[in-house]
PDB file of N, CA and C in Angstrom:
ATOM      1  N   UNK A   1     -37.551  36.318  -6.950  1.00  0.00           N
ATOM      2  CA  UNK A   1     -36.103  36.341  -7.120  1.00  0.00           C
ATOM      3  C   UNK A   1     -35.463  35.064  -6.625  1.00  0.00           C
ATOM      4  N   UNK A   2     -35.869  34.570  -5.439  1.00  0.00           N
ATOM      5  CA  UNK A   2     -35.259  33.374  -4.863  1.00  0.00           C
ATOM      6  C   UNK A   2     -35.507  32.155  -5.736  1.00  0.00           C
ATOM      7  N   UNK A   3     -36.724  31.917  -6.271  1.00  0.00           N
ATOM      8  CA  UNK A   3     -36.908  30.763  -7.182  1.00  0.00           C
ATOM      9  C   UNK A   3     -36.015  30.865  -8.409  1.00  0.00           C
ATOM     10  N   UNK A   4     -35.795  32.006  -8.925  1.00  0.00           N
ATOM     11  CA  UNK A   4     -34.918  32.167 -10.115  1.00  0.00           C
ATOM     12  C   UNK A   4     -33.490  31.809  -9.764  1.00  0.00           C
ATOM     13  N   UNK A   5     -33.013  32.227  -8.594  1.00  0.00           N
ATOM     14  CA  UNK A   5     -31.648  31.917  -8.156  1.00  0.00           C
ATOM     15  C   UNK A   5     -31.489  30.405  -7.954  1.00  0.00           C
ATOM     16  N   UNK A   6     -32.461  29.773  -7.323  1.00  0.00           N
ATOM     17  CA  UNK A   6     -32.424  28.335  -7.073  1.00  0.00           C
ATOM     18  C   UNK A   6     -32.414  27.601  -8.433  1.00  0.00           C
ATOM     19  N   UNK A   7     -33.236  27.985  -9.329  1.00  0.00           N
ATOM     20  CA  UNK A   7     -33.302  27.311 -10.642  1.00  0.00           C
ATOM     21  C   UNK A   7     -32.011  27.525 -11.424  1.00  0.00           C
ATOM     22  N   UNK A   8     -31.388  28.701 -11.281  1.00  0.00           N
ATOM     23  CA  UNK A   8     -30.142  28.945 -12.029  1.00  0.00           C
ATOM     24  C   UNK A   8     -28.981  28.140 -11.451  1.00  0.00           C
ATOM     25  N   UNK A   9     -29.026  27.756 -10.143  1.00  0.00           N
ATOM     26  CA  UNK A   9     -27.975  26.967  -9.547  1.00  0.00           C
ATOM     27  C   UNK A   9     -28.199  25.458  -9.742  1.00  0.00           C
ATOM     28  N   UNK A  10     -29.385  25.049 -10.138  1.00  0.00           N
ATOM     29  CA  UNK A  10     -29.711  23.644 -10.258  1.00  0.00           C
ATOM     30  C   UNK A  10     -28.788  22.893 -11.187  1.00  0.00           C
ATOM     31  N   UNK A  11     -28.413  23.416 -12.370  1.00  0.00           N
ATOM     32  CA  UNK A  11     -27.498  22.647 -13.252  1.00  0.00           C
ATOM     33  C   UNK A  11     -26.154  22.387 -12.576  1.00  0.00           C
ATOM     34  N   UNK A  12     -25.644  23.308 -11.755  1.00  0.00           N
ATOM     35  CA  UNK A  12     -24.380  23.152 -11.081  1.00  0.00           C
ATOM     36  C   UNK A  12     -24.479  22.042 -10.058  1.00  0.00           C
ATOM     37  N   UNK A  13     -25.560  22.001  -9.288  1.00  0.00           N
ATOM     38  CA  UNK A  13     -25.745  20.995  -8.270  1.00  0.00           C
ATOM     39  C   UNK A  13     -25.880  19.616  -8.912  1.00  0.00           C
ATOM     40  N   UNK A  14     -26.654  19.515  -9.974  1.00  0.00           N
ATOM     41  CA  UNK A  14     -26.863  18.225 -10.651  1.00  0.00           C
ATOM     42  C   UNK A  14     -25.624  17.717 -11.331  1.00  0.00           C
ATOM     43  N   UNK A  15     -24.760  18.605 -11.758  1.00  0.00           N
ATOM     44  CA  UNK A  15     -23.577  18.201 -12.503  1.00  0.00           C
ATOM     45  C   UNK A  15     -22.530  17.513 -11.628  1.00  0.00           C
ATOM     46  N   UNK A  16     -22.587  17.738 -10.326  1.00  0.00           N
ATOM     47  CA  UNK A  16     -21.629  17.131  -9.408  1.00  0.00           C
ATOM     48  C   UNK A  16     -20.309  17.892  -9.401  1.00  0.00           C
ATOM     49  N   UNK A  17     -19.281  17.270  -8.781  1.00  0.00           N
ATOM     50  CA  UNK A  17     -17.991  17.940  -8.673  1.00  0.00           C
ATOM     51  C   UNK A  17     -17.364  18.160 -10.033  1.00  0.00           C
ATOM     52  N   UNK A  18     -16.513  19.210 -10.100  1.00  0.00           N
ATOM     53  CA  UNK A  18     -15.848  19.510 -11.379  1.00  0.00           C
ATOM     54  C   UNK A  18     -14.851  18.465 -11.765  1.00  0.00           C
ATOM     55  N   UNK A  19     -14.205  17.837 -10.812  1.00  0.00           N
ATOM     56  CA  UNK A  19     -13.253  16.765 -11.127  1.00  0.00           C
ATOM     57  C   UNK A  19     -13.375  15.682 -10.078  1.00  0.00           C
ATOM     58  N   UNK A  20     -13.161  14.456 -10.513  1.00  0.00           N
ATOM     59  CA  UNK A  20     -13.223  13.355  -9.595  1.00  0.00           C
ATOM     60  C   UNK A  20     -11.807  12.929  -9.232  1.00  0.00           C
ATOM     61  N   UNK A  21     -11.564  12.641  -7.954  1.00  0.00           N
ATOM     62  CA  UNK A  21     -10.189  12.266  -7.574  1.00  0.00           C
ATOM     63  C   UNK A  21      -9.841  10.908  -8.210  1.00  0.00           C
ATOM     64  N   UNK A  22      -8.602  10.801  -8.616  1.00  0.00           N
ATOM     65  CA  UNK A  22      -8.151   9.551  -9.202  1.00  0.00           C
ATOM     66  C   UNK A  22      -7.389   8.767  -8.113  1.00  0.00           C
ATOM     67  N   UNK A  23      -7.612   7.446  -8.081  1.00  0.00           N
ATOM     68  CA  UNK A  23      -6.911   6.673  -7.042  1.00  0.00           C
ATOM     69  C   UNK A  23      -5.409   6.664  -7.330  1.00  0.00           C
ATOM     70  N   UNK A  24      -4.631   6.598  -6.268  1.00  0.00           N
ATOM     71  CA  UNK A  24      -3.175   6.565  -6.391  1.00  0.00           C
ATOM     72  C   UNK A  24      -2.744   5.164  -6.817  1.00  0.00           C
ATOM     73  N   UNK A  25      -1.908   5.083  -7.809  1.00  0.00           N
ATOM     74  CA  UNK A  25      -1.395   3.789  -8.280  1.00  0.00           C
ATOM     75  C   UNK A  25      -0.455   3.228  -7.221  1.00  0.00           C
ATOM     76  N   UNK A  26      -0.438   1.896  -7.056  1.00  0.00           N
ATOM     77  CA  UNK A  26       0.470   1.321  -6.110  1.00  0.00           C
ATOM     78  C   UNK A  26       1.937   1.627  -6.457  1.00  0.00           C
ATOM     79  N   UNK A  27       2.731   1.858  -5.446  1.00  0.00           N
ATOM     80  CA  UNK A  27       4.147   2.172  -5.669  1.00  0.00           C
ATOM     81  C   UNK A  27       4.848   0.978  -6.286  1.00  0.00           C
ATOM     82  N   UNK A  28       5.726   1.252  -7.215  1.00  0.00           N
ATOM     83  CA  UNK A  28       6.508   0.201  -7.871  1.00  0.00           C
ATOM     84  C   UNK A  28       7.826   0.028  -7.131  1.00  0.00           C
ATOM     85  N   UNK A  29       8.272  -1.207  -6.958  1.00  0.00           N
ATOM     86  CA  UNK A  29       9.511  -1.521  -6.294  1.00  0.00           C
ATOM     87  C   UNK A  29      10.343  -2.397  -7.222  1.00  0.00           C
ATOM     88  N   UNK A  30      11.685  -2.276  -7.202  1.00  0.00           N
ATOM     89  CA  UNK A  30      12.522  -3.141  -8.051  1.00  0.00           C
ATOM     90  C   UNK A  30      12.386  -4.604  -7.652  1.00  0.00           C
ATOM     91  N   UNK A  31      12.436  -5.486  -8.640  1.00  0.00           N
ATOM     92  CA  UNK A  31      12.412  -6.937  -8.389  1.00  0.00           C
ATOM     93  C   UNK A  31      13.776  -7.378  -7.879  1.00  0.00           C
ATOM     94  N   UNK A  32      13.758  -8.464  -7.105  1.00  0.00           N
ATOM     95  CA  UNK A  32      14.990  -9.085  -6.618  1.00  0.00           C
ATOM     96  C   UNK A  32      14.704 -10.558  -6.319  1.00  0.00           C
ATOM     97  N   UNK A  33      15.616 -11.402  -6.602  1.00  0.00           N
ATOM     98  CA  UNK A  33      15.459 -12.834  -6.262  1.00  0.00           C
ATOM     99  C   UNK A  33      14.144 -13.388  -6.715  1.00  0.00           C
ATOM    100  N   UNK A  34      13.687 -14.442  -6.044  1.00  0.00           N
ATOM    101  CA  UNK A  34      12.397 -15.038  -6.315  1.00  0.00           C
ATOM    102  C   UNK A  34      12.258 -15.493  -7.772  1.00  0.00           C
ATOM    103  N   UNK A  35      11.085 -15.263  -8.337  1.00  0.00           N
ATOM    104  CA  UNK A  35      10.787 -15.699  -9.704  1.00  0.00           C
ATOM    105  C   UNK A  35      11.077 -14.661 -10.761  1.00  0.00           C
ATOM    106  N   UNK A  36      11.711 -13.576 -10.418  1.00  0.00           N
ATOM    107  CA  UNK A  36      12.000 -12.503 -11.360  1.00  0.00           C
ATOM    108  C   UNK A  36      12.862 -13.080 -12.475  1.00  0.00           C
ATOM    109  N   UNK A  37      12.576 -12.715 -13.743  1.00  0.00           N
ATOM    110  CA  UNK A  37      13.365 -13.226 -14.840  1.00  0.00           C
ATOM    111  C   UNK A  37      14.833 -12.781 -14.807  1.00  0.00           C
ATOM    112  N   UNK A  38      15.081 -11.594 -14.311  1.00  0.00           N
ATOM    113  CA  UNK A  38      16.436 -11.129 -14.113  1.00  0.00           C
ATOM    114  C   UNK A  38      16.578 -10.616 -12.685  1.00  0.00           C
ATOM    115  N   UNK A  39      16.782 -11.542 -11.733  1.00  0.00           N
ATOM    116  CA  UNK A  39      16.853 -11.096 -10.331  1.00  0.00           C
ATOM    117  C   UNK A  39      17.944 -10.093 -10.101  1.00  0.00           C
ATOM    118  N   UNK A  40      17.615  -9.104  -9.328  1.00  0.00           N
ATOM    119  CA  UNK A  40      18.602  -8.060  -8.996  1.00  0.00           C
ATOM    120  C   UNK A  40      19.029  -8.119  -7.546  1.00  0.00           C
ATOM    121  N   UNK A  41      19.933  -7.282  -7.207  1.00  0.00           N
ATOM    122  CA  UNK A  41      20.386  -7.160  -5.834  1.00  0.00           C
ATOM    123  C   UNK A  41      19.925  -5.797  -5.336  1.00  0.00           C
ATOM    124  N   UNK A  42      19.464  -5.750  -4.105  1.00  0.00           N
ATOM    125  CA  UNK A  42      18.961  -4.513  -3.550  1.00  0.00           C
ATOM    126  C   UNK A  42      20.142  -3.622  -3.090  1.00  0.00           C
ATOM    127  N   UNK A  43      20.012  -2.336  -3.345  1.00  0.00           N
ATOM    128  CA  UNK A  43      21.001  -1.371  -2.876  1.00  0.00           C
ATOM    129  C   UNK A  43      20.715  -1.025  -1.407  1.00  0.00           C
ATOM    130  N   UNK A  44      21.740  -0.914  -0.616  1.00  0.00           N
ATOM    131  CA  UNK A  44      21.572  -0.550   0.831  1.00  0.00           C
ATOM    132  C   UNK A  44      20.804   0.772   0.927  1.00  0.00           C
ATOM    133  N   UNK A  45      19.953   0.986   1.863  1.00  0.00           N
ATOM    134  CA  UNK A  45      19.532   0.126   2.975  1.00  0.00           C
ATOM    135  C   UNK A  45      18.351  -0.778   2.658  1.00  0.00           C
ATOM    136  N   UNK A  46      17.960  -0.924   1.359  1.00  0.00           N
ATOM    137  CA  UNK A  46      16.827  -1.767   0.977  1.00  0.00           C
ATOM    138  C   UNK A  46      17.147  -3.234   1.253  1.00  0.00           C
ATOM    139  N   UNK A  47      16.049  -3.964   1.509  1.00  0.00           N
ATOM    140  CA  UNK A  47      16.155  -5.430   1.700  1.00  0.00           C
ATOM    141  C   UNK A  47      15.220  -6.099   0.708  1.00  0.00           C
ATOM    142  N   UNK A  48      15.528  -7.343   0.370  1.00  0.00           N
ATOM    143  CA  UNK A  48      14.725  -8.141  -0.550  1.00  0.00           C
ATOM    144  C   UNK A  48      13.720  -8.940   0.245  1.00  0.00           C
ATOM    145  N   UNK A  49      12.418  -8.729  -0.001  1.00  0.00           N
ATOM    146  CA  UNK A  49      11.394  -9.478   0.725  1.00  0.00           C
ATOM    147  C   UNK A  49      10.349  -9.991  -0.279  1.00  0.00           C
ATOM    148  N   UNK A  50       9.613 -11.057   0.108  1.00  0.00           N
ATOM    149  CA  UNK A  50       8.458 -11.459  -0.719  1.00  0.00           C
ATOM    150  C   UNK A  50       7.422 -10.331  -0.657  1.00  0.00           C
ATOM    151  N   UNK A  51       6.841 -10.001  -1.798  1.00  0.00           N
ATOM    152  CA  UNK A  51       5.888  -8.890  -1.852  1.00  0.00           C
ATOM    153  C   UNK A  51       4.623  -9.237  -1.060  1.00  0.00           C
ATOM    154  N   UNK A  52       4.390  -8.599   0.107  1.00  0.00           N
ATOM    155  CA  UNK A  52       3.230  -8.910   0.892  1.00  0.00           C
ATOM    156  C   UNK A  52       1.935  -8.343   0.334  1.00  0.00           C
ATOM    157  N   UNK A  53       1.990  -7.539  -0.708  1.00  0.00           N
ATOM    158  CA  UNK A  53       0.782  -6.945  -1.286  1.00  0.00           C
ATOM    159  C   UNK A  53       0.044  -7.920  -2.160  1.00  0.00           C
ATOM    160  N   UNK A  54       0.659  -9.034  -2.557  1.00  0.00           N
ATOM    161  CA  UNK A  54       0.039  -9.985  -3.451  1.00  0.00           C
ATOM    162  C   UNK A  54      -0.538 -11.161  -2.670  1.00  0.00           C
ATOM    163  N   UNK A  55      -1.546 -11.778  -3.195  1.00  0.00           N
ATOM    164  CA  UNK A  55      -2.188 -12.941  -2.570  1.00  0.00           C
ATOM    165  C   UNK A  55      -1.574 -14.237  -3.075  1.00  0.00           C
ATOM    166  N   UNK A  56      -0.554 -14.157  -3.913  1.00  0.00           N
ATOM    167  CA  UNK A  56       0.071 -15.372  -4.418  1.00  0.00           C
ATOM    168  C   UNK A  56       0.763 -16.164  -3.316  1.00  0.00           C
ATOM    169  N   UNK A  57       0.874 -17.453  -3.482  1.00  0.00           N
ATOM    170  CA  UNK A  57       1.561 -18.288  -2.507  1.00  0.00           C
ATOM    171  C   UNK A  57       3.045 -17.911  -2.477  1.00  0.00           C
ATOM    172  N   UNK A  58       3.704 -18.129  -1.324  1.00  0.00           N
ATOM    173  CA  UNK A  58       5.124 -17.733  -1.205  1.00  0.00           C
ATOM    174  C   UNK A  58       6.024 -18.335  -2.263  1.00  0.00           C
ATOM    175  N   UNK A  59       5.661 -19.501  -2.824  1.00  0.00           N
ATOM    176  CA  UNK A  59       6.508 -20.126  -3.830  1.00  0.00           C
ATOM    177  C   UNK A  59       6.588 -19.318  -5.117  1.00  0.00           C
ATOM    178  N   UNK A  60       5.478 -18.696  -5.519  1.00  0.00           N
ATOM    179  CA  UNK A  60       5.442 -17.954  -6.775  1.00  0.00           C
ATOM    180  C   UNK A  60       5.362 -16.441  -6.592  1.00  0.00           C
ATOM    181  N   UNK A  61       5.376 -16.016  -5.311  1.00  0.00           N
ATOM    182  CA  UNK A  61       5.292 -14.574  -5.014  1.00  0.00           C
ATOM    183  C   UNK A  61       6.563 -13.859  -5.455  1.00  0.00           C
ATOM    184  N   UNK A  62       6.459 -12.732  -6.141  1.00  0.00           N
ATOM    185  CA  UNK A  62       7.654 -12.001  -6.541  1.00  0.00           C
ATOM    186  C   UNK A  62       8.332 -11.360  -5.332  1.00  0.00           C
ATOM    187  N   UNK A  63       9.647 -11.213  -5.397  1.00  0.00           N
ATOM    188  CA  UNK A  63      10.377 -10.527  -4.345  1.00  0.00           C
ATOM    189  C   UNK A  63      10.637  -9.079  -4.791  1.00  0.00           C
ATOM    190  N   UNK A  64      10.639  -8.154  -3.845  1.00  0.00           N
ATOM    191  CA  UNK A  64      10.839  -6.753  -4.158  1.00  0.00           C
ATOM    192  C   UNK A  64      11.869  -6.146  -3.208  1.00  0.00           C
ATOM    193  N   UNK A  65      12.526  -5.081  -3.657  1.00  0.00           N
ATOM    194  CA  UNK A  65      13.484  -4.348  -2.810  1.00  0.00           C
ATOM    195  C   UNK A  65      12.711  -3.206  -2.157  1.00  0.00           C
ATOM    196  N   UNK A  66      12.782  -3.143  -0.811  1.00  0.00           N
ATOM    197  CA  UNK A  66      12.110  -2.086  -0.057  1.00  0.00           C
ATOM    198  C   UNK A  66      12.989  -1.585   1.059  1.00  0.00           C
ATOM    199  N   UNK A  67      12.811  -0.365   1.450  1.00  0.00           N
ATOM    200  CA  UNK A  67      13.452   0.143   2.669  1.00  0.00           C
ATOM    201  C   UNK A  67      12.563  -0.297   3.819  1.00  0.00           C
ATOM    202  N   UNK A  68      13.092  -0.986   4.792  1.00  0.00           N
ATOM    203  CA  UNK A  68      12.229  -1.498   5.893  1.00  0.00           C
ATOM    204  C   UNK A  68      11.794  -0.400   6.858  1.00  0.00           C
ATOM    205  N   UNK A  69      10.602   0.137   6.598  1.00  0.00           N
ATOM    206  CA  UNK A  69      10.012   1.156   7.477  1.00  0.00           C
ATOM    207  C   UNK A  69       8.996   0.482   8.358  1.00  0.00           C
ATOM    208  N   UNK A  70       9.235   0.441   9.679  1.00  0.00           N
ATOM    209  CA  UNK A  70       8.412  -0.274  10.639  1.00  0.00           C
ATOM    210  C   UNK A  70       7.050   0.400  10.804  1.00  0.00           C
ATOM    211  N   UNK A  71       6.002  -0.418  10.951  1.00  0.00           N
ATOM    212  CA  UNK A  71       4.666   0.049  11.268  1.00  0.00           C
ATOM    213  C   UNK A  71       3.961  -1.025  12.071  1.00  0.00           C
ATOM    214  N   UNK A  72       2.782  -0.677  12.566  1.00  0.00           N
ATOM    215  CA  UNK A  72       1.969  -1.660  13.306  1.00  0.00           C
ATOM    216  C   UNK A  72       2.508  -1.892  14.711  1.00  0.00           C
ATOM    217  N   UNK A  73       2.513  -3.168  15.071  1.00  0.00           N
ATOM    218  CA  UNK A  73       2.993  -3.551  16.421  1.00  0.00           C
ATOM    219  C   UNK A  73       1.977  -3.138  17.459  1.00  0.00           C
ATOM    220  N   UNK A  74       2.327  -3.368  18.731  1.00  0.00           N
ATOM    221  CA  UNK A  74       1.430  -3.042  19.858  1.00  0.00           C
ATOM    222  C   UNK A  74       1.030  -1.578  19.869  1.00  0.00           C
ATOM    223  N   UNK A  75       1.953  -0.693  19.531  1.00  0.00           N
ATOM    224  CA  UNK A  75       1.657   0.755  19.541  1.00  0.00           C
ATOM    225  C   UNK A  75       0.900   1.210  18.312  1.00  0.00           C
ATOM    226  N   UNK A  76       0.762   0.361  17.315  1.00  0.00           N
ATOM    227  CA  UNK A  76       0.011   0.735  16.099  1.00  0.00           C
ATOM    228  C   UNK A  76       0.621   1.845  15.283  1.00  0.00           C
ATOM    229  N   UNK A  77       1.969   1.808  15.127  1.00  0.00           N
ATOM    230  CA  UNK A  77       2.653   2.834  14.365  1.00  0.00           C
ATOM    231  C   UNK A  77       2.073   2.934  12.945  1.00  0.00           C
ATOM    232  N   UNK A  78       1.819   4.147  12.510  1.00  0.00           N
ATOM    233  CA  UNK A  78       1.190   4.405  11.196  1.00  0.00           C
ATOM    234  C   UNK A  78       2.265   4.643  10.142  1.00  0.00           C
ATOM    235  N   UNK A  79       1.895   4.424   8.879  1.00  0.00           N
ATOM    236  CA  UNK A  79       2.783   4.743   7.737  1.00  0.00           C
ATOM    237  C   UNK A  79       2.507   6.178   7.304  1.00  0.00           C
ATOM    238  N   UNK A  80       3.477   6.762   6.599  1.00  0.00           N
ATOM    239  CA  UNK A  80       3.249   8.113   6.073  1.00  0.00           C
ATOM    240  C   UNK A  80       2.180   8.054   4.987  1.00  0.00           C
ATOM    241  N   UNK A  81       1.615   9.171   4.639  1.00  0.00           N
ATOM    242  CA  UNK A  81       0.566   9.241   3.625  1.00  0.00           C
ATOM    243  C   UNK A  81       1.010   8.583   2.318  1.00  0.00           C
ATOM    244  N   UNK A  82       0.108   7.834   1.743  1.00  0.00           N
ATOM    245  CA  UNK A  82       0.374   7.156   0.467  1.00  0.00           C
ATOM    246  C   UNK A  82       0.919   5.748   0.628  1.00  0.00           C
ATOM    247  N   UNK A  83       1.312   5.365   1.877  1.00  0.00           N
ATOM    248  CA  UNK A  83       1.847   4.026   2.121  1.00  0.00           C
ATOM    249  C   UNK A  83       0.891   3.280   3.006  1.00  0.00           C
ATOM    250  N   UNK A  84       0.902   1.940   2.896  1.00  0.00           N
ATOM    251  CA  UNK A  84       0.029   1.067   3.666  1.00  0.00           C
ATOM    252  C   UNK A  84       0.885   0.109   4.479  1.00  0.00           C
ATOM    253  N   UNK A  85       0.435  -0.237   5.659  1.00  0.00           N
ATOM    254  CA  UNK A  85       1.130  -1.186   6.530  1.00  0.00           C
ATOM    255  C   UNK A  85       0.762  -2.614   6.190  1.00  0.00           C
ATOM    256  N   UNK A  86       1.752  -3.445   5.815  1.00  0.00           N
ATOM    257  CA  UNK A  86       1.547  -4.864   5.519  1.00  0.00           C
ATOM    258  C   UNK A  86       2.323  -5.691   6.547  1.00  0.00           C
ATOM    259  N   UNK A  87       1.859  -6.889   6.794  1.00  0.00           N
ATOM    260  CA  UNK A  87       2.568  -7.795   7.670  1.00  0.00           C
ATOM    261  C   UNK A  87       3.986  -8.020   7.135  1.00  0.00           C
ATOM    262  N   UNK A  88       4.977  -7.959   7.988  1.00  0.00           N
ATOM    263  CA  UNK A  88       6.376  -8.119   7.562  1.00  0.00           C
ATOM    264  C   UNK A  88       6.621  -9.612   7.321  1.00  0.00           C
ATOM    265  N   UNK A  89       6.906 -10.003   6.082  1.00  0.00           N
ATOM    266  CA  UNK A  89       7.116 -11.428   5.780  1.00  0.00           C
ATOM    267  C   UNK A  89       8.448 -11.954   6.326  1.00  0.00           C
ATOM    268  N   UNK A  90       9.306 -11.107   6.883  1.00  0.00           N
ATOM    269  CA  UNK A  90      10.584 -11.557   7.394  1.00  0.00           C
ATOM    270  C   UNK A  90      10.483 -12.213   8.787  1.00  0.00           C
ATOM    271  N   UNK A  91       9.337 -12.090   9.469  1.00  0.00           N
ATOM    272  CA  UNK A  91       9.207 -12.684  10.773  1.00  0.00           C
ATOM    273  C   UNK A  91       8.171 -13.816  10.739  1.00  0.00           C
ATOM    274  N   UNK A  92       8.088 -14.537  11.849  1.00  0.00           N
ATOM    275  CA  UNK A  92       7.123 -15.665  11.908  1.00  0.00           C
ATOM    276  C   UNK A  92       5.786 -15.247  12.545  1.00  0.00           C
ATOM    277  N   UNK A  93       5.664 -13.982  12.912  1.00  0.00           N
ATOM    278  CA  UNK A  93       4.455 -13.471  13.539  1.00  0.00           C
ATOM    279  C   UNK A  93       3.362 -13.341  12.465  1.00  0.00           C
ATOM    280  N   UNK A  94       2.189 -13.893  12.733  1.00  0.00           N
ATOM    281  CA  UNK A  94       1.080 -13.837  11.750  1.00  0.00           C
ATOM    282  C   UNK A  94      -0.123 -13.201  12.418  1.00  0.00           C
ATOM    283  N   UNK A  95      -0.522 -11.991  11.979  1.00  0.00           N
ATOM    284  CA  UNK A  95      -1.675 -11.335  12.610  1.00  0.00           C
ATOM    285  C   UNK A  95      -2.988 -12.081  12.390  1.00  0.00           C
ATOM    286  N   UNK A  96      -3.065 -12.932  11.379  1.00  0.00           N
ATOM    287  CA  UNK A  96      -4.275 -13.708  11.102  1.00  0.00           C
ATOM    288  C   UNK A  96      -4.376 -14.945  11.994  1.00  0.00           C
ATOM    289  N   UNK A  97      -3.307 -15.281  12.713  1.00  0.00           N
ATOM    290  CA  UNK A  97      -3.305 -16.447  13.530  1.00  0.00           C
ATOM    291  C   UNK A  97      -2.779 -16.126  14.958  1.00  0.00           C
ATOM    292  N   UNK A  98      -3.424 -15.195  15.593  1.00  0.00           N
ATOM    293  CA  UNK A  98      -3.119 -14.899  17.006  1.00  0.00           C
ATOM    294  C   UNK A  98      -2.003 -13.896  17.255  1.00  0.00           C
ATOM    295  N   UNK A  99      -1.362 -13.350  16.220  1.00  0.00           N
ATOM    296  CA  UNK A  99      -0.278 -12.408  16.432  1.00  0.00           C
ATOM    297  C   UNK A  99      -0.796 -10.989  16.470  1.00  0.00           C
ATOM    298  N   UNK A 100      -1.368 -10.593  17.611  1.00  0.00           N
ATOM    299  CA  UNK A 100      -1.959  -9.240  17.759  1.00  0.00           C
ATOM    300  C   UNK A 100      -0.895  -8.152  17.805  1.00  0.00           C
ATOM    301  N   UNK A 101       0.347  -8.523  18.125  1.00  0.00           N
ATOM    302  CA  UNK A 101       1.407  -7.500  18.254  1.00  0.00           C
ATOM    303  C   UNK A 101       2.398  -7.550  17.115  1.00  0.00           C
ATOM    304  N   UNK A 102       2.015  -8.110  15.963  1.00  0.00           N
ATOM    305  CA  UNK A 102       2.934  -8.235  14.838  1.00  0.00           C
ATOM    306  C   UNK A 102       3.353  -6.857  14.292  1.00  0.00           C
ATOM    307  N   UNK A 103       4.634  -6.779  13.975  1.00  0.00           N
ATOM    308  CA  UNK A 103       5.130  -5.578  13.314  1.00  0.00           C
ATOM    309  C   UNK A 103       4.877  -5.701  11.822  1.00  0.00           C
ATOM    310  N   UNK A 104       4.811  -4.579  11.162  1.00  0.00           N
ATOM    311  CA  UNK A 104       4.606  -4.550   9.729  1.00  0.00           C
ATOM    312  C   UNK A 104       5.659  -3.779   9.024  1.00  0.00           C
ATOM    313  N   UNK A 105       5.441  -3.577   7.715  1.00  0.00           N
ATOM    314  CA  UNK A 105       6.383  -2.832   6.882  1.00  0.00           C
ATOM    315  C   UNK A 105       5.535  -1.925   5.974  1.00  0.00           C
ATOM    316  N   UNK A 106       5.973  -0.676   5.832  1.00  0.00           N
ATOM    317  CA  UNK A 106       5.222   0.286   5.037  1.00  0.00           C
ATOM    318  C   UNK A 106       5.578   0.146   3.554  1.00  0.00           C
ATOM    319  N   UNK A 107       4.567  -0.038   2.727  1.00  0.00           N
ATOM    320  CA  UNK A 107       4.757  -0.122   1.249  1.00  0.00           C
ATOM    321  C   UNK A 107       3.714   0.784   0.577  1.00  0.00           C
TER     322      UNK A 107
END
């Protein structure tokens, strides 16, 4: 009986999970200033910042409107689920060059 049960479950085990999780798409933010073809103005309380998610140089980096939600810093404040902490481009603190206590912004 046991070998029959094991053999009958084998196709289920080999098939893997019924569904695979899909990665979450990055959140979209309105463009403002910078190189945007039609620069906009951010509605309060949002601020216009260079998009820290891109590796482009600051000269060609697009600007986006975001609500400034603080993260990081000495206490290591976390972002809510679905958001990631990026270095805040509005300050001169650089975590890659000795700034261990740099604050970030959740995007």
